[in-house]
C-alpha cells in the first residue's frame, strides 16, 4: 500500500526506460561522501 521513493524510482525506470534516474534519500546516502557525489553528478547532467 502506498508509495515510497524506492517504488517511485522503479516505476519511473519502467515507464521511461532510457532515462537516467537517481534516488536520493537516507537509504541511498549512507556511505560517506555519497550525498556530495550525487549532487555533483546531477548538477553535471549525468542524470
ModelCIF file with pLDDT and N, C-alpha, C, O atoms, coordinates in Angstrom:
data_MODEL
#
_entry.id   MODEL 
#
_entity.id                         1 
_entity.type                       polymer 
_entity.pdbx_number_of_molecules   1 
#
_entity_poly.entity_id                      1 
_entity_poly.type                           'polypeptide(L)' 
_entity_poly.nstd_linkage                   no 
_entity_poly.nstd_monomer                   no 
_entity_poly.pdbx_seq_one_letter_code       
;(UNK)(UNK)(UNK)(UNK)(UNK)(UNK)(UNK)(UNK)(UNK)(UNK)(UNK)(UNK)(UNK)(UNK)(UNK)(UNK)
(UNK)(UNK)(UNK)(UNK)(UNK)(UNK)(UNK)(UNK)(UNK)(UNK)(UNK)(UNK)(UNK)(UNK)(UNK)(UNK)
(UNK)(UNK)(UNK)(UNK)(UNK)(UNK)(UNK)(UNK)(UNK)(UNK)(UNK)(UNK)(UNK)(UNK)(UNK)
;
_entity_poly.pdbx_seq_one_letter_code_can   XXXXXXXXXXXXXXXXXXXXXXXXXXXXXXXXXXXXXXXXXXXXXXX 
_entity_poly.pdbx_strand_id                 A 
#
loop_
_entity_poly_seq.entity_id 
_entity_poly_seq.num 
_entity_poly_seq.mon_id 
_entity_poly_seq.hetero 
1 1  UNK n 
1 2  UNK n 
1 3  UNK n 
1 4  UNK n 
1 5  UNK n 
1 6  UNK n 
1 7  UNK n 
1 8  UNK n 
1 9  UNK n 
1 10 UNK n 
1 11 UNK n 
1 12 UNK n 
1 13 UNK n 
1 14 UNK n 
1 15 UNK n 
1 16 UNK n 
1 17 UNK n 
1 18 UNK n 
1 19 UNK n 
1 20 UNK n 
1 21 UNK n 
1 22 UNK n 
1 23 UNK n 
1 24 UNK n 
1 25 UNK n 
1 26 UNK n 
1 27 UNK n 
1 28 UNK n 
1 29 UNK n 
1 30 UNK n 
1 31 UNK n 
1 32 UNK n 
1 33 UNK n 
1 34 UNK n 
1 35 UNK n 
1 36 UNK n 
1 37 UNK n 
1 38 UNK n 
1 39 UNK n 
1 40 UNK n 
1 41 UNK n 
1 42 UNK n 
1 43 UNK n 
1 44 UNK n 
1 45 UNK n 
1 46 UNK n 
1 47 UNK n 
#
_struct_asym.id          A 
_struct_asym.entity_id   1 
#
loop_
_ma_qa_metric.id 
_ma_qa_metric.mode 
_ma_qa_metric.name 
_ma_qa_metric.software_group_id 
_ma_qa_metric.type 
1 global pLDDT . pLDDT 
2 local  pLDDT . pLDDT 
#
_ma_qa_metric_global.metric_id      1 
_ma_qa_metric_global.metric_value   85.40 
_ma_qa_metric_global.model_id       1 
_ma_qa_metric_global.ordinal_id     1 
#
loop_
_ma_qa_metric_local.label_asym_id 
_ma_qa_metric_local.label_comp_id 
_ma_qa_metric_local.label_seq_id 
_ma_qa_metric_local.metric_id 
_ma_qa_metric_local.metric_value 
_ma_qa_metric_local.model_id 
_ma_qa_metric_local.ordinal_id 
A UNK 1  2 81.00 1 1  
A UNK 2  2 81.00 1 2  
A UNK 3  2 82.00 1 3  
A UNK 4  2 86.00 1 4  
A UNK 5  2 87.00 1 5  
A UNK 6  2 87.00 1 6  
A UNK 7  2 87.00 1 7  
A UNK 8  2 88.00 1 8  
A UNK 9  2 88.00 1 9  
A UNK 10 2 88.00 1 10 
A UNK 11 2 88.00 1 11 
A UNK 12 2 90.00 1 12 
A UNK 13 2 89.00 1 13 
A UNK 14 2 89.00 1 14 
A UNK 15 2 89.00 1 15 
A UNK 16 2 90.00 1 16 
A UNK 17 2 90.00 1 17 
A UNK 18 2 91.00 1 18 
A UNK 19 2 90.00 1 19 
A UNK 20 2 92.00 1 20 
A UNK 21 2 91.00 1 21 
A UNK 22 2 90.00 1 22 
A UNK 23 2 90.00 1 23 
A UNK 24 2 88.00 1 24 
A UNK 25 2 84.00 1 25 
A UNK 26 2 81.00 1 26 
A UNK 27 2 79.00 1 27 
A UNK 28 2 80.00 1 28 
A UNK 29 2 78.00 1 29 
A UNK 30 2 76.00 1 30 
A UNK 31 2 78.00 1 31 
A UNK 32 2 75.00 1 32 
A UNK 33 2 76.00 1 33 
A UNK 34 2 81.00 1 34 
A UNK 35 2 79.00 1 35 
A UNK 36 2 81.00 1 36 
A UNK 37 2 86.00 1 37 
A UNK 38 2 87.00 1 38 
A UNK 39 2 85.00 1 39 
A UNK 40 2 87.00 1 40 
A UNK 41 2 87.00 1 41 
A UNK 42 2 85.00 1 42 
A UNK 43 2 85.00 1 43 
A UNK 44 2 87.00 1 44 
A UNK 45 2 86.00 1 45 
A UNK 46 2 90.00 1 46 
A UNK 47 2 89.00 1 47 
#
loop_
_atom_site.group_PDB 
_atom_site.id 
_atom_site.type_symbol 
_atom_site.label_atom_id 
_atom_site.label_alt_id 
_atom_site.label_comp_id 
_atom_site.label_asym_id 
_atom_site.label_entity_id 
_atom_site.label_seq_id 
_atom_site.pdbx_PDB_ins_code 
_atom_site.Cartn_x 
_atom_site.Cartn_y 
_atom_site.Cartn_z 
_atom_site.occupancy 
_atom_site.B_iso_or_equiv 
_atom_site.pdbx_formal_charge 
_atom_site.auth_seq_id 
_atom_site.auth_comp_id 
_atom_site.auth_asym_id 
_atom_site.auth_atom_id 
_atom_site.pdbx_PDB_model_num 
ATOM 1   N N  . UNK A 1 1  ? 0.837  -1.191 0.000   1.00 81.00 ? 1  UNK A N  1 
ATOM 2   C CA . UNK A 1 1  ? 0.000  0.000  0.000   1.00 81.00 ? 1  UNK A CA 1 
ATOM 3   C C  . UNK A 1 1  ? 0.878  1.251  0.000   1.00 81.00 ? 1  UNK A C  1 
ATOM 4   O O  . UNK A 1 1  ? 1.863  1.328  0.735   1.00 81.00 ? 1  UNK A O  1 
ATOM 5   N N  . UNK A 1 2  ? 0.516  2.216  -0.821  1.00 81.00 ? 2  UNK A N  1 
ATOM 6   C CA . UNK A 1 2  ? 1.224  3.485  -0.826  1.00 81.00 ? 2  UNK A CA 1 
ATOM 7   C C  . UNK A 1 2  ? 2.536  3.424  -1.596  1.00 81.00 ? 2  UNK A C  1 
ATOM 8   O O  . UNK A 1 2  ? 2.895  2.397  -2.171  1.00 81.00 ? 2  UNK A O  1 
ATOM 9   N N  . UNK A 1 3  ? 3.246  4.559  -1.592  1.00 82.00 ? 3  UNK A N  1 
ATOM 10  C CA . UNK A 1 3  ? 4.441  4.693  -2.416  1.00 82.00 ? 3  UNK A CA 1 
ATOM 11  C C  . UNK A 1 3  ? 5.555  5.378  -1.643  1.00 82.00 ? 3  UNK A C  1 
ATOM 12  O O  . UNK A 1 3  ? 5.354  6.421  -1.021  1.00 82.00 ? 3  UNK A O  1 
ATOM 13  N N  . UNK A 1 4  ? 6.736  4.770  -1.695  1.00 86.00 ? 4  UNK A N  1 
ATOM 14  C CA . UNK A 1 4  ? 7.935  5.394  -1.187  1.00 86.00 ? 4  UNK A CA 1 
ATOM 15  C C  . UNK A 1 4  ? 8.863  5.724  -2.345  1.00 86.00 ? 4  UNK A C  1 
ATOM 16  O O  . UNK A 1 4  ? 8.537  5.470  -3.505  1.00 86.00 ? 4  UNK A O  1 
ATOM 17  N N  . UNK A 1 5  ? 10.009 6.285  -2.027  1.00 87.00 ? 5  UNK A N  1 
ATOM 18  C CA . UNK A 1 5  ? 10.948 6.692  -3.082  1.00 87.00 ? 5  UNK A CA 1 
ATOM 19  C C  . UNK A 1 5  ? 11.452 5.501  -3.895  1.00 87.00 ? 5  UNK A C  1 
ATOM 20  O O  . UNK A 1 5  ? 11.682 5.631  -5.097  1.00 87.00 ? 5  UNK A O  1 
ATOM 21  N N  . UNK A 1 6  ? 11.627 4.336  -3.250  1.00 87.00 ? 6  UNK A N  1 
ATOM 22  C CA . UNK A 1 6  ? 12.123 3.167  -3.989  1.00 87.00 ? 6  UNK A CA 1 
ATOM 23  C C  . UNK A 1 6  ? 11.126 2.719  -5.050  1.00 87.00 ? 6  UNK A C  1 
ATOM 24  O O  . UNK A 1 6  ? 11.503 2.414  -6.182  1.00 87.00 ? 6  UNK A O  1 
ATOM 25  N N  . UNK A 1 7  ? 9.847  2.682  -4.673  1.00 87.00 ? 7  UNK A N  1 
ATOM 26  C CA . UNK A 1 7  ? 8.830  2.248  -5.635  1.00 87.00 ? 7  UNK A CA 1 
ATOM 27  C C  . UNK A 1 7  ? 8.687  3.254  -6.771  1.00 87.00 ? 7  UNK A C  1 
ATOM 28  O O  . UNK A 1 7  ? 8.521  2.874  -7.931  1.00 87.00 ? 7  UNK A O  1 
ATOM 29  N N  . UNK A 1 8  ? 8.753  4.527  -6.434  1.00 88.00 ? 8  UNK A N  1 
ATOM 30  C CA . UNK A 1 8  ? 8.640  5.560  -7.456  1.00 88.00 ? 8  UNK A CA 1 
ATOM 31  C C  . UNK A 1 8  ? 9.805  5.478  -8.442  1.00 88.00 ? 8  UNK A C  1 
ATOM 32  O O  . UNK A 1 8  ? 9.623  5.622  -9.651  1.00 88.00 ? 8  UNK A O  1 
ATOM 33  N N  . UNK A 1 9  ? 11.004 5.244  -7.905  1.00 88.00 ? 9  UNK A N  1 
ATOM 34  C CA . UNK A 1 9  ? 12.180 5.102  -8.768  1.00 88.00 ? 9  UNK A CA 1 
ATOM 35  C C  . UNK A 1 9  ? 12.008 3.938  -9.733  1.00 88.00 ? 9  UNK A C  1 
ATOM 36  O O  . UNK A 1 9  ? 12.306 4.060  -10.921 1.00 88.00 ? 9  UNK A O  1 
ATOM 37  N N  . UNK A 1 10 ? 11.528 2.809  -9.221  1.00 88.00 ? 10 UNK A N  1 
ATOM 38  C CA . UNK A 1 10 ? 11.386 1.630  -10.067 1.00 88.00 ? 10 UNK A CA 1 
ATOM 39  C C  . UNK A 1 10 ? 10.306 1.817  -11.126 1.00 88.00 ? 10 UNK A C  1 
ATOM 40  O O  . UNK A 1 10 ? 10.505 1.440  -12.280 1.00 88.00 ? 10 UNK A O  1 
ATOM 41  N N  . UNK A 1 11 ? 9.169  2.392  -10.752 1.00 88.00 ? 11 UNK A N  1 
ATOM 42  C CA . UNK A 1 11 ? 8.099  2.617  -11.723 1.00 88.00 ? 11 UNK A CA 1 
ATOM 43  C C  . UNK A 1 11 ? 8.519  3.607  -12.806 1.00 88.00 ? 11 UNK A C  1 
ATOM 44  O O  . UNK A 1 11 ? 8.165  3.442  -13.973 1.00 88.00 ? 11 UNK A O  1 
ATOM 45  N N  . UNK A 1 12 ? 9.271  4.631  -12.420 1.00 90.00 ? 12 UNK A N  1 
ATOM 46  C CA . UNK A 1 12 ? 9.753  5.601  -13.407 1.00 90.00 ? 12 UNK A CA 1 
ATOM 47  C C  . UNK A 1 12 ? 10.733 4.952  -14.374 1.00 90.00 ? 12 UNK A C  1 
ATOM 48  O O  . UNK A 1 12 ? 10.726 5.250  -15.568 1.00 90.00 ? 12 UNK A O  1 
ATOM 49  N N  . UNK A 1 13 ? 11.585 4.055  -13.848 1.00 89.00 ? 13 UNK A N  1 
ATOM 50  C CA . UNK A 1 13 ? 12.544 3.360  -14.722 1.00 89.00 ? 13 UNK A CA 1 
ATOM 51  C C  . UNK A 1 13 ? 11.830 2.487  -15.741 1.00 89.00 ? 13 UNK A C  1 
ATOM 52  O O  . UNK A 1 13 ? 12.288 2.346  -16.875 1.00 89.00 ? 13 UNK A O  1 
ATOM 53  N N  . UNK A 1 14 ? 10.699 1.897  -15.334 1.00 89.00 ? 14 UNK A N  1 
ATOM 54  C CA . UNK A 1 14 ? 9.933  1.075  -16.270 1.00 89.00 ? 14 UNK A CA 1 
ATOM 55  C C  . UNK A 1 14 ? 9.177  1.925  -17.283 1.00 89.00 ? 14 UNK A C  1 
ATOM 56  O O  . UNK A 1 14 ? 9.031  1.536  -18.442 1.00 89.00 ? 14 UNK A O  1 
ATOM 57  N N  . UNK A 1 15 ? 8.699  3.083  -16.845 1.00 89.00 ? 15 UNK A N  1 
ATOM 58  C CA . UNK A 1 15 ? 7.926  3.953  -17.735 1.00 89.00 ? 15 UNK A CA 1 
ATOM 59  C C  . UNK A 1 15 ? 8.829  4.731  -18.689 1.00 89.00 ? 15 UNK A C  1 
ATOM 60  O O  . UNK A 1 15 ? 8.467  4.955  -19.844 1.00 89.00 ? 15 UNK A O  1 
ATOM 61  N N  . UNK A 1 16 ? 10.008 5.144  -18.205 1.00 90.00 ? 16 UNK A N  1 
ATOM 62  C CA . UNK A 1 16 ? 10.964 5.883  -19.031 1.00 90.00 ? 16 UNK A CA 1 
ATOM 63  C C  . UNK A 1 16 ? 12.263 5.075  -19.092 1.00 90.00 ? 16 UNK A C  1 
ATOM 64  O O  . UNK A 1 16 ? 13.231 5.409  -18.408 1.00 90.00 ? 16 UNK A O  1 
ATOM 65  N N  . UNK A 1 17 ? 12.292 4.026  -19.897 1.00 90.00 ? 17 UNK A N  1 
ATOM 66  C CA . UNK A 1 17 ? 13.429 3.094  -19.881 1.00 90.00 ? 17 UNK A CA 1 
ATOM 67  C C  . UNK A 1 17 ? 14.767 3.710  -20.302 1.00 90.00 ? 17 UNK A C  1 
ATOM 68  O O  . UNK A 1 17 ? 15.822 3.177  -19.959 1.00 90.00 ? 17 UNK A O  1 
ATOM 69  N N  . UNK A 1 18 ? 14.739 4.812  -21.032 1.00 91.00 ? 18 UNK A N  1 
ATOM 70  C CA . UNK A 1 18 ? 16.000 5.430  -21.470 1.00 91.00 ? 18 UNK A CA 1 
ATOM 71  C C  . UNK A 1 18 ? 16.467 6.538  -20.527 1.00 91.00 ? 18 UNK A C  1 
ATOM 72  O O  . UNK A 1 18 ? 17.574 7.054  -20.683 1.00 91.00 ? 18 UNK A O  1 
ATOM 73  N N  . UNK A 1 19 ? 15.638 6.907  -19.551 1.00 90.00 ? 19 UNK A N  1 
ATOM 74  C CA . UNK A 1 19 ? 16.000 7.991  -18.635 1.00 90.00 ? 19 UNK A CA 1 
ATOM 75  C C  . UNK A 1 19 ? 17.000 7.506  -17.591 1.00 90.00 ? 19 UNK A C  1 
ATOM 76  O O  . UNK A 1 19 ? 16.927 6.373  -17.115 1.00 90.00 ? 19 UNK A O  1 
ATOM 77  N N  . UNK A 1 20 ? 17.923 8.376  -17.252 1.00 92.00 ? 20 UNK A N  1 
ATOM 78  C CA . UNK A 1 20 ? 18.901 8.082  -16.199 1.00 92.00 ? 20 UNK A CA 1 
ATOM 79  C C  . UNK A 1 20 ? 18.340 8.630  -14.880 1.00 92.00 ? 20 UNK A C  1 
ATOM 80  O O  . UNK A 1 20 ? 18.198 9.841  -14.711 1.00 92.00 ? 20 UNK A O  1 
ATOM 81  N N  . UNK A 1 21 ? 18.028 7.731  -13.960 1.00 91.00 ? 21 UNK A N  1 
ATOM 82  C CA . UNK A 1 21 ? 17.294 8.091  -12.743 1.00 91.00 ? 21 UNK A CA 1 
ATOM 83  C C  . UNK A 1 21 ? 18.158 7.894  -11.503 1.00 91.00 ? 21 UNK A C  1 
ATOM 84  O O  . UNK A 1 21 ? 18.843 6.881  -11.362 1.00 91.00 ? 21 UNK A O  1 
ATOM 85  N N  . UNK A 1 22 ? 18.117 8.862  -10.625 1.00 90.00 ? 22 UNK A N  1 
ATOM 86  C CA . UNK A 1 22 ? 18.844 8.792  -9.355  1.00 90.00 ? 22 UNK A CA 1 
ATOM 87  C C  . UNK A 1 22 ? 17.862 8.965  -8.204  1.00 90.00 ? 22 UNK A C  1 
ATOM 88  O O  . UNK A 1 22 ? 16.950 9.788  -8.272  1.00 90.00 ? 22 UNK A O  1 
ATOM 89  N N  . UNK A 1 23 ? 18.057 8.184  -7.151  1.00 90.00 ? 23 UNK A N  1 
ATOM 90  C CA . UNK A 1 23 ? 17.252 8.311  -5.933  1.00 90.00 ? 23 UNK A CA 1 
ATOM 91  C C  . UNK A 1 23 ? 18.118 8.823  -4.794  1.00 90.00 ? 23 UNK A C  1 
ATOM 92  O O  . UNK A 1 23 ? 19.195 8.288  -4.534  1.00 90.00 ? 23 UNK A O  1 
ATOM 93  N N  . UNK A 1 24 ? 17.640 9.869  -4.113  1.00 88.00 ? 24 UNK A N  1 
ATOM 94  C CA . UNK A 1 24 ? 18.389 10.451 -3.007  1.00 88.00 ? 24 UNK A CA 1 
ATOM 95  C C  . UNK A 1 24 ? 17.523 10.482 -1.758  1.00 88.00 ? 24 UNK A C  1 
ATOM 96  O O  . UNK A 1 24 ? 16.599 11.289 -1.655  1.00 88.00 ? 24 UNK A O  1 
ATOM 97  N N  . UNK A 1 25 ? 17.822 9.609  -0.815  1.00 84.00 ? 25 UNK A N  1 
ATOM 98  C CA . UNK A 1 25 ? 17.164 9.592  0.486   1.00 84.00 ? 25 UNK A CA 1 
ATOM 99  C C  . UNK A 1 25 ? 18.158 9.052  1.502   1.00 84.00 ? 25 UNK A C  1 
ATOM 100 O O  . UNK A 1 25 ? 19.316 8.806  1.164   1.00 84.00 ? 25 UNK A O  1 
ATOM 101 N N  . UNK A 1 26 ? 17.724 8.867  2.733   1.00 81.00 ? 26 UNK A N  1 
ATOM 102 C CA . UNK A 1 26 ? 18.667 8.430  3.770   1.00 81.00 ? 26 UNK A CA 1 
ATOM 103 C C  . UNK A 1 26 ? 19.112 6.990  3.575   1.00 81.00 ? 26 UNK A C  1 
ATOM 104 O O  . UNK A 1 26 ? 20.089 6.567  4.192   1.00 81.00 ? 26 UNK A O  1 
ATOM 105 N N  . UNK A 1 27 ? 18.424 6.223  2.735   1.00 79.00 ? 27 UNK A N  1 
ATOM 106 C CA . UNK A 1 27 ? 18.861 4.860  2.430   1.00 79.00 ? 27 UNK A CA 1 
ATOM 107 C C  . UNK A 1 27 ? 19.971 4.836  1.378   1.00 79.00 ? 27 UNK A C  1 
ATOM 108 O O  . UNK A 1 27 ? 20.871 3.998  1.435   1.00 79.00 ? 27 UNK A O  1 
ATOM 109 N N  . UNK A 1 28 ? 19.901 5.754  0.424   1.00 80.00 ? 28 UNK A N  1 
ATOM 110 C CA . UNK A 1 28 ? 20.872 5.751  -0.674  1.00 80.00 ? 28 UNK A CA 1 
ATOM 111 C C  . UNK A 1 28 ? 22.104 6.605  -0.389  1.00 80.00 ? 28 UNK A C  1 
ATOM 112 O O  . UNK A 1 28 ? 23.047 6.607  -1.181  1.00 80.00 ? 28 UNK A O  1 
ATOM 113 N N  . UNK A 1 29 ? 22.113 7.330  0.732   1.00 78.00 ? 29 UNK A N  1 
ATOM 114 C CA . UNK A 1 29 ? 23.238 8.217  1.038   1.00 78.00 ? 29 UNK A CA 1 
ATOM 115 C C  . UNK A 1 29 ? 23.956 7.806  2.318   1.00 78.00 ? 29 UNK A C  1 
ATOM 116 O O  . UNK A 1 29 ? 24.532 8.647  3.007   1.00 78.00 ? 29 UNK A O  1 
ATOM 117 N N  . UNK A 1 30 ? 23.920 6.510  2.636   1.00 76.00 ? 30 UNK A N  1 
ATOM 118 C CA . UNK A 1 30 ? 24.531 6.057  3.891   1.00 76.00 ? 30 UNK A CA 1 
ATOM 119 C C  . UNK A 1 30 ? 26.061 6.059  3.831   1.00 76.00 ? 30 UNK A C  1 
ATOM 120 O O  . UNK A 1 30 ? 26.720 6.275  4.848   1.00 76.00 ? 30 UNK A O  1 
ATOM 121 N N  . UNK A 1 31 ? 26.618 5.823  2.661   1.00 78.00 ? 31 UNK A N  1 
ATOM 122 C CA . UNK A 1 31 ? 28.081 5.798  2.554   1.00 78.00 ? 31 UNK A CA 1 
ATOM 123 C C  . UNK A 1 31 ? 28.657 7.201  2.648   1.00 78.00 ? 31 UNK A C  1 
ATOM 124 O O  . UNK A 1 31 ? 28.040 8.173  2.210   1.00 78.00 ? 31 UNK A O  1 
ATOM 125 N N  . UNK A 1 32 ? 29.841 7.289  3.222   1.00 75.00 ? 32 UNK A N  1 
ATOM 126 C CA . UNK A 1 32 ? 30.487 8.581  3.391   1.00 75.00 ? 32 UNK A CA 1 
ATOM 127 C C  . UNK A 1 32 ? 30.740 9.233  2.021   1.00 75.00 ? 32 UNK A C  1 
ATOM 128 O O  . UNK A 1 32 ? 31.293 8.609  1.115   1.00 75.00 ? 32 UNK A O  1 
ATOM 129 N N  . UNK A 1 33 ? 30.331 10.475 1.896   1.00 76.00 ? 33 UNK A N  1 
ATOM 130 C CA . UNK A 1 33 ? 30.542 11.221 0.662   1.00 76.00 ? 33 UNK A CA 1 
ATOM 131 C C  . UNK A 1 33 ? 29.518 10.956 -0.421  1.00 76.00 ? 33 UNK A C  1 
ATOM 132 O O  . UNK A 1 33 ? 29.579 11.566 -1.489  1.00 76.00 ? 33 UNK A O  1 
ATOM 133 N N  . UNK A 1 34 ? 28.560 10.040 -0.164  1.00 81.00 ? 34 UNK A N  1 
ATOM 134 C CA . UNK A 1 34 ? 27.592 9.677  -1.202  1.00 81.00 ? 34 UNK A CA 1 
ATOM 135 C C  . UNK A 1 34 ? 26.716 10.860 -1.587  1.00 81.00 ? 34 UNK A C  1 
ATOM 136 O O  . UNK A 1 34 ? 26.445 11.072 -2.769  1.00 81.00 ? 34 UNK A O  1 
ATOM 137 N N  . UNK A 1 35 ? 26.274 11.626 -0.606  1.00 79.00 ? 35 UNK A N  1 
ATOM 138 C CA . UNK A 1 35 ? 25.385 12.753 -0.895  1.00 79.00 ? 35 UNK A CA 1 
ATOM 139 C C  . UNK A 1 35 ? 26.071 13.768 -1.805  1.00 79.00 ? 35 UNK A C  1 
ATOM 140 O O  . UNK A 1 35 ? 25.484 14.213 -2.791  1.00 79.00 ? 35 UNK A O  1 
ATOM 141 N N  . UNK A 1 36 ? 27.310 14.137 -1.480  1.00 81.00 ? 36 UNK A N  1 
ATOM 142 C CA . UNK A 1 36 ? 28.030 15.108 -2.291  1.00 81.00 ? 36 UNK A CA 1 
ATOM 143 C C  . UNK A 1 36 ? 28.267 14.629 -3.715  1.00 81.00 ? 36 UNK A C  1 
ATOM 144 O O  . UNK A 1 36 ? 28.167 15.406 -4.664  1.00 81.00 ? 36 UNK A O  1 
ATOM 145 N N  . UNK A 1 37 ? 28.583 13.341 -3.860  1.00 86.00 ? 37 UNK A N  1 
ATOM 146 C CA . UNK A 1 37 ? 28.803 12.786 -5.191  1.00 86.00 ? 37 UNK A CA 1 
ATOM 147 C C  . UNK A 1 37 ? 27.523 12.811 -6.015  1.00 86.00 ? 37 UNK A C  1 
ATOM 148 O O  . UNK A 1 37 ? 27.553 13.101 -7.210  1.00 86.00 ? 37 UNK A O  1 
ATOM 149 N N  . UNK A 1 38 ? 26.387 12.501 -5.365  1.00 87.00 ? 38 UNK A N  1 
ATOM 150 C CA . UNK A 1 38 ? 25.114 12.530 -6.077  1.00 87.00 ? 38 UNK A CA 1 
ATOM 151 C C  . UNK A 1 38 ? 24.763 13.935 -6.541  1.00 87.00 ? 38 UNK A C  1 
ATOM 152 O O  . UNK A 1 38 ? 24.340 14.131 -7.680  1.00 87.00 ? 38 UNK A O  1 
ATOM 153 N N  . UNK A 1 39 ? 24.938 14.909 -5.663  1.00 85.00 ? 39 UNK A N  1 
ATOM 154 C CA . UNK A 1 39 ? 24.642 16.294 -6.019  1.00 85.00 ? 39 UNK A CA 1 
ATOM 155 C C  . UNK A 1 39 ? 25.502 16.747 -7.190  1.00 85.00 ? 39 UNK A C  1 
ATOM 156 O O  . UNK A 1 39 ? 25.005 17.372 -8.127  1.00 85.00 ? 39 UNK A O  1 
ATOM 157 N N  . UNK A 1 40 ? 26.791 16.432 -7.136  1.00 87.00 ? 40 UNK A N  1 
ATOM 158 C CA . UNK A 1 40 ? 27.698 16.823 -8.219  1.00 87.00 ? 40 UNK A CA 1 
ATOM 159 C C  . UNK A 1 40 ? 27.324 16.146 -9.533  1.00 87.00 ? 40 UNK A C  1 
ATOM 160 O O  . UNK A 1 40 ? 27.354 16.774 -10.591 1.00 87.00 ? 40 UNK A O  1 
ATOM 161 N N  . UNK A 1 41 ? 26.972 14.862 -9.463  1.00 87.00 ? 41 UNK A N  1 
ATOM 162 C CA . UNK A 1 41 ? 26.622 14.121 -10.680 1.00 87.00 ? 41 UNK A CA 1 
ATOM 163 C C  . UNK A 1 41 ? 25.359 14.674 -11.324 1.00 87.00 ? 41 UNK A C  1 
ATOM 164 O O  . UNK A 1 41 ? 25.293 14.804 -12.547 1.00 87.00 ? 41 UNK A O  1 
ATOM 165 N N  . UNK A 1 42 ? 24.354 15.000 -10.511 1.00 85.00 ? 42 UNK A N  1 
ATOM 166 C CA . UNK A 1 42 ? 23.116 15.532 -11.080 1.00 85.00 ? 42 UNK A CA 1 
ATOM 167 C C  . UNK A 1 42 ? 23.335 16.939 -11.624 1.00 85.00 ? 42 UNK A C  1 
ATOM 168 O O  . UNK A 1 42 ? 22.799 17.288 -12.676 1.00 85.00 ? 42 UNK A O  1 
ATOM 169 N N  . UNK A 1 43 ? 24.115 17.741 -10.920 1.00 85.00 ? 43 UNK A N  1 
ATOM 170 C CA . UNK A 1 43 ? 24.413 19.097 -11.401 1.00 85.00 ? 43 UNK A CA 1 
ATOM 171 C C  . UNK A 1 43 ? 25.178 19.065 -12.713 1.00 85.00 ? 43 UNK A C  1 
ATOM 172 O O  . UNK A 1 43 ? 25.029 19.962 -13.543 1.00 85.00 ? 43 UNK A O  1 
ATOM 173 N N  . UNK A 1 44 ? 26.001 18.034 -12.904 1.00 87.00 ? 44 UNK A N  1 
ATOM 174 C CA . UNK A 1 44 ? 26.790 17.909 -14.130 1.00 87.00 ? 44 UNK A CA 1 
ATOM 175 C C  . UNK A 1 44 ? 25.982 17.329 -15.291 1.00 87.00 ? 44 UNK A C  1 
ATOM 176 O O  . UNK A 1 44 ? 26.499 17.203 -16.401 1.00 87.00 ? 44 UNK A O  1 
ATOM 177 N N  . UNK A 1 45 ? 24.719 16.976 -15.044 1.00 86.00 ? 45 UNK A N  1 
ATOM 178 C CA . UNK A 1 45 ? 23.878 16.451 -16.106 1.00 86.00 ? 45 UNK A CA 1 
ATOM 179 C C  . UNK A 1 45 ? 24.037 14.972 -16.367 1.00 86.00 ? 45 UNK A C  1 
ATOM 180 O O  . UNK A 1 45 ? 23.623 14.486 -17.419 1.00 86.00 ? 45 UNK A O  1 
ATOM 181 N N  . UNK A 1 46 ? 24.630 14.237 -15.432 1.00 90.00 ? 46 UNK A N  1 
ATOM 182 C CA . UNK A 1 46 ? 24.821 12.806 -15.632 1.00 90.00 ? 46 UNK A CA 1 
ATOM 183 C C  . UNK A 1 46 ? 23.529 12.017 -15.425 1.00 90.00 ? 46 UNK A C  1 
ATOM 184 O O  . UNK A 1 46 ? 23.445 10.848 -15.801 1.00 90.00 ? 46 UNK A O  1 
ATOM 185 N N  . UNK A 1 47 ? 22.529 12.655 -14.831 1.00 89.00 ? 47 UNK A N  1 
ATOM 186 C CA . UNK A 1 47 ? 21.222 12.019 -14.619 1.00 89.00 ? 47 UNK A CA 1 
ATOM 187 C C  . UNK A 1 47 ? 20.130 12.957 -15.120 1.00 89.00 ? 47 UNK A C  1 
ATOM 188 O O  . UNK A 1 47 ? 18.947 12.625 -15.041 1.00 89.00 ? 47 UNK A O  1 
#
